């Protein structure tokens, strides 16, 4: 049997222990039990900090007025915030995962967007806002500002890109040339 328990030490400190109990058999009967306990307080603390951090990031993503997309190095969406659905007028049932981010960009701007995406992946650009002509699900074109920044793995290599998307069509009127 395995279980965890909390052992209070004073008013503010709690030690966490993981226990494993195994029967010990002599003469074909259970004569004793072997109990092994391990202090796991640090692991429990790290797990709680991770949960707290995830809740904070979730709140930020949900409250953001910008759409947030994460794409892999091939430009495929791996994550999209709920605001992306609003900005691009996407049906709620349509999954974002697997869509190519260039599909959101008007064809007249795709070459520029692809070039800038490659520059970010190559480490030549980082988090510079750029205006693109974008396309909603219903075909409506609108002006958007995208900020693309690299996300790095544990070794420091760029593993994906985070893109913030803002609909700026209401604050500007002329559409830019590609």
Protein backbone atom coordinates (compact mmCIF):
# COMPACT_ATOMS: atom_id res chain seq x y z
CA UNK A 1 0.00 0.00 0.00
CA UNK A 2 1.20 3.52 -0.80
CA UNK A 3 -0.05 6.80 0.64
CA UNK A 4 1.06 10.27 1.62
CA UNK A 5 0.57 12.08 4.90
CA UNK A 6 1.16 15.54 6.32
CA UNK A 7 2.86 15.90 9.67
CA UNK A 8 2.52 19.36 11.29
CA UNK A 9 5.59 20.91 12.90
CA UNK A 10 4.37 23.93 14.80
CA UNK A 11 1.86 26.42 13.43
CA UNK A 12 3.32 27.09 9.99
CA UNK A 13 5.49 24.18 8.89
CA UNK A 14 4.17 20.90 7.53
CA UNK A 15 6.37 17.98 6.56
CA UNK A 16 5.02 15.68 3.86
CA UNK A 17 5.86 12.00 3.83
CA UNK A 18 5.30 9.28 1.25
CA UNK A 19 4.82 5.84 2.77
CA UNK A 20 4.98 2.39 1.31
CA UNK A 21 3.86 -0.57 3.41
CA UNK A 22 4.66 -4.11 2.31
CA UNK A 23 3.84 -7.35 4.13
CA UNK A 24 6.70 -9.48 5.41
CA UNK A 25 6.01 -13.21 5.32
CA UNK A 26 7.62 -15.92 7.45
CA UNK A 27 6.36 -19.44 7.56
CA UNK A 28 3.69 -18.66 4.96
CA UNK A 29 1.90 -16.12 7.10
CA UNK A 30 2.12 -12.38 7.40
CA UNK A 31 4.22 -11.87 10.46
CA UNK A 32 5.13 -8.23 10.02
CA UNK A 33 4.99 -5.18 7.80
CA UNK A 34 7.83 -3.22 6.31
CA UNK A 35 7.18 0.52 6.29
CA UNK A 36 9.38 2.82 4.23
CA UNK A 37 8.73 6.55 4.57
CA UNK A 38 10.35 9.27 2.49
CA UNK A 39 10.23 13.02 3.10
CA UNK A 40 8.59 14.64 0.05
CA UNK A 41 8.02 18.15 1.43
CA UNK A 42 10.07 19.83 -1.30
CA UNK A 43 8.23 17.94 -4.06
CA UNK A 44 4.85 18.93 -2.58
CA UNK A 45 6.00 22.54 -2.34
CA UNK A 46 7.14 22.50 -5.99
CA UNK A 47 3.86 20.90 -7.11
CA UNK A 48 1.86 23.61 -5.31
CA UNK A 49 4.01 26.37 -6.79
CA UNK A 50 3.48 24.87 -10.25
CA UNK A 51 -0.31 24.74 -9.71
CA UNK A 52 -0.29 28.37 -8.51
CA UNK A 53 1.82 29.45 -11.48
CA UNK A 54 -0.45 27.62 -13.94
CA UNK A 55 -3.51 29.31 -12.40
CA UNK A 56 -1.87 32.73 -12.74
CA UNK A 57 -0.93 32.15 -16.38
CA UNK A 58 -4.40 30.80 -17.14
CA UNK A 59 -5.95 33.95 -15.63
CA UNK A 60 -3.61 36.18 -17.68
CA UNK A 61 -4.41 34.33 -20.91
CA UNK A 62 -8.16 34.44 -20.30
CA UNK A 63 -8.14 38.12 -19.31
CA UNK A 64 -5.92 39.28 -22.15
CA UNK A 65 -7.48 41.47 -24.80
CA UNK A 66 -4.96 40.06 -27.27
CA UNK A 67 -5.18 36.69 -28.96
CA UNK A 68 -2.35 34.38 -27.98
CA UNK A 69 -1.10 31.65 -30.28
CA UNK A 70 1.84 29.29 -29.90
CA UNK A 71 3.15 27.70 -33.07
CA UNK A 72 5.74 25.02 -33.76
CA UNK A 73 8.73 25.77 -36.05
CA UNK A 74 6.64 24.68 -39.06
CA UNK A 75 4.00 27.33 -38.35
CA UNK A 76 1.35 24.90 -37.03
CA UNK A 77 -0.74 26.16 -34.12
CA UNK A 78 -0.20 24.16 -30.92
CA UNK A 79 -2.14 26.51 -28.61
CA UNK A 80 -4.66 29.29 -29.07
CA UNK A 81 -6.35 31.39 -26.41
CA UNK A 82 -10.13 31.94 -26.43
CA UNK A 83 -9.61 35.52 -27.68
CA UNK A 84 -8.24 34.09 -30.97
CA UNK A 85 -11.72 32.72 -31.66
CA UNK A 86 -13.20 36.20 -31.15
CA UNK A 87 -10.62 38.02 -33.27
CA UNK A 88 -10.90 35.65 -36.23
CA UNK A 89 -14.65 34.93 -35.80
CA UNK A 90 -13.93 31.21 -35.61
CA UNK A 91 -16.65 28.70 -34.72
CA UNK A 92 -16.18 27.52 -31.13
CA UNK A 93 -16.12 23.89 -32.23
CA UNK A 94 -13.22 24.40 -34.66
CA UNK A 95 -9.94 23.21 -33.16
CA UNK A 96 -7.00 25.57 -33.59
CA UNK A 97 -4.35 22.89 -33.15
CA UNK A 98 -2.83 21.96 -36.47
CA UNK A 99 -3.96 25.05 -38.38
CA UNK A 100 -1.12 26.87 -40.13
CA UNK A 101 -0.74 30.37 -38.71
CA UNK A 102 -0.23 31.74 -42.24
CA UNK A 103 -3.86 30.79 -42.96
CA UNK A 104 -4.89 33.77 -40.78
CA UNK A 105 -2.77 36.18 -42.83
CA UNK A 106 -4.06 37.72 -46.05
CA UNK A 107 -2.29 36.18 -49.09
CA UNK A 108 -0.75 39.57 -49.96
CA UNK A 109 1.17 39.50 -46.62
CA UNK A 110 2.05 35.81 -46.34
CA UNK A 111 5.54 36.09 -47.88
CA UNK A 112 6.45 38.91 -45.48
CA UNK A 113 5.00 37.00 -42.53
CA UNK A 114 6.86 33.80 -43.48
CA UNK A 115 10.11 35.73 -43.82
CA UNK A 116 9.68 37.43 -40.44
CA UNK A 117 8.74 34.12 -38.82
CA UNK A 118 11.94 32.56 -40.19
CA UNK A 119 13.96 35.52 -38.85
CA UNK A 120 12.51 35.00 -35.36
CA UNK A 121 13.21 31.26 -35.54
CA UNK A 122 16.79 32.04 -36.62
CA UNK A 123 17.20 34.40 -33.65
CA UNK A 124 17.49 37.52 -35.81
CA UNK A 125 14.24 39.20 -34.62
CA UNK A 126 12.60 39.22 -31.22
CA UNK A 127 9.26 40.66 -30.11
CA UNK A 128 8.96 43.47 -32.63
CA UNK A 129 5.36 44.45 -33.43
CA UNK A 130 4.41 44.33 -37.09
CA UNK A 131 1.13 45.16 -38.84
CA UNK A 132 -0.42 42.63 -41.20
CA UNK A 133 -3.59 42.38 -43.17
CA UNK A 134 -5.42 39.43 -41.57
CA UNK A 135 -8.44 37.40 -42.63
CA UNK A 136 -11.35 36.35 -40.44
CA UNK A 137 -13.06 32.98 -40.84
CA UNK A 138 -15.86 34.65 -42.82
CA UNK A 139 -13.36 36.14 -45.31
CA UNK A 140 -13.44 39.68 -43.89
CA UNK A 141 -10.04 41.33 -44.02
CA UNK A 142 -8.82 43.52 -41.17
CA UNK A 143 -5.65 45.15 -39.91
CA UNK A 144 -3.89 43.38 -37.06
CA UNK A 145 -0.73 43.87 -35.07
CA UNK A 146 1.31 40.78 -34.32
CA UNK A 147 4.18 40.49 -31.89
CA UNK A 148 6.19 37.29 -32.33
CA UNK A 149 8.71 36.10 -29.78
CA UNK A 150 10.68 32.85 -29.54
CA UNK A 151 10.09 30.30 -26.80
CA UNK A 152 13.15 28.32 -25.81
CA UNK A 153 13.52 24.79 -24.45
CA UNK A 154 15.69 23.81 -21.47
CA UNK A 155 18.83 23.77 -23.65
CA UNK A 156 18.16 27.31 -24.93
CA UNK A 157 17.15 26.27 -28.44
CA UNK A 158 14.09 27.93 -29.98
CA UNK A 159 11.33 25.32 -29.80
CA UNK A 160 8.26 27.37 -30.73
CA UNK A 161 6.98 30.89 -31.25
CA UNK A 162 4.50 32.85 -29.18
CA UNK A 163 2.39 35.32 -31.16
CA UNK A 164 0.27 38.07 -29.63
CA UNK A 165 -2.50 39.21 -31.99
CA UNK A 166 -4.32 42.51 -31.68
CA UNK A 167 -7.13 43.72 -33.92
CA UNK A 168 -6.21 47.35 -34.68
CA UNK A 169 -8.75 47.90 -37.44
CA UNK A 170 -10.83 50.26 -35.30
CA UNK A 171 -7.95 52.62 -34.54
CA UNK A 172 -6.52 52.85 -38.07
CA UNK A 173 -8.28 53.20 -41.35
CA UNK A 174 -5.93 52.72 -44.33
CA UNK A 175 -4.73 49.23 -45.10
CA UNK A 176 -0.94 49.01 -45.41
CA UNK A 177 0.86 47.74 -48.49
CA UNK A 178 2.74 44.44 -48.03
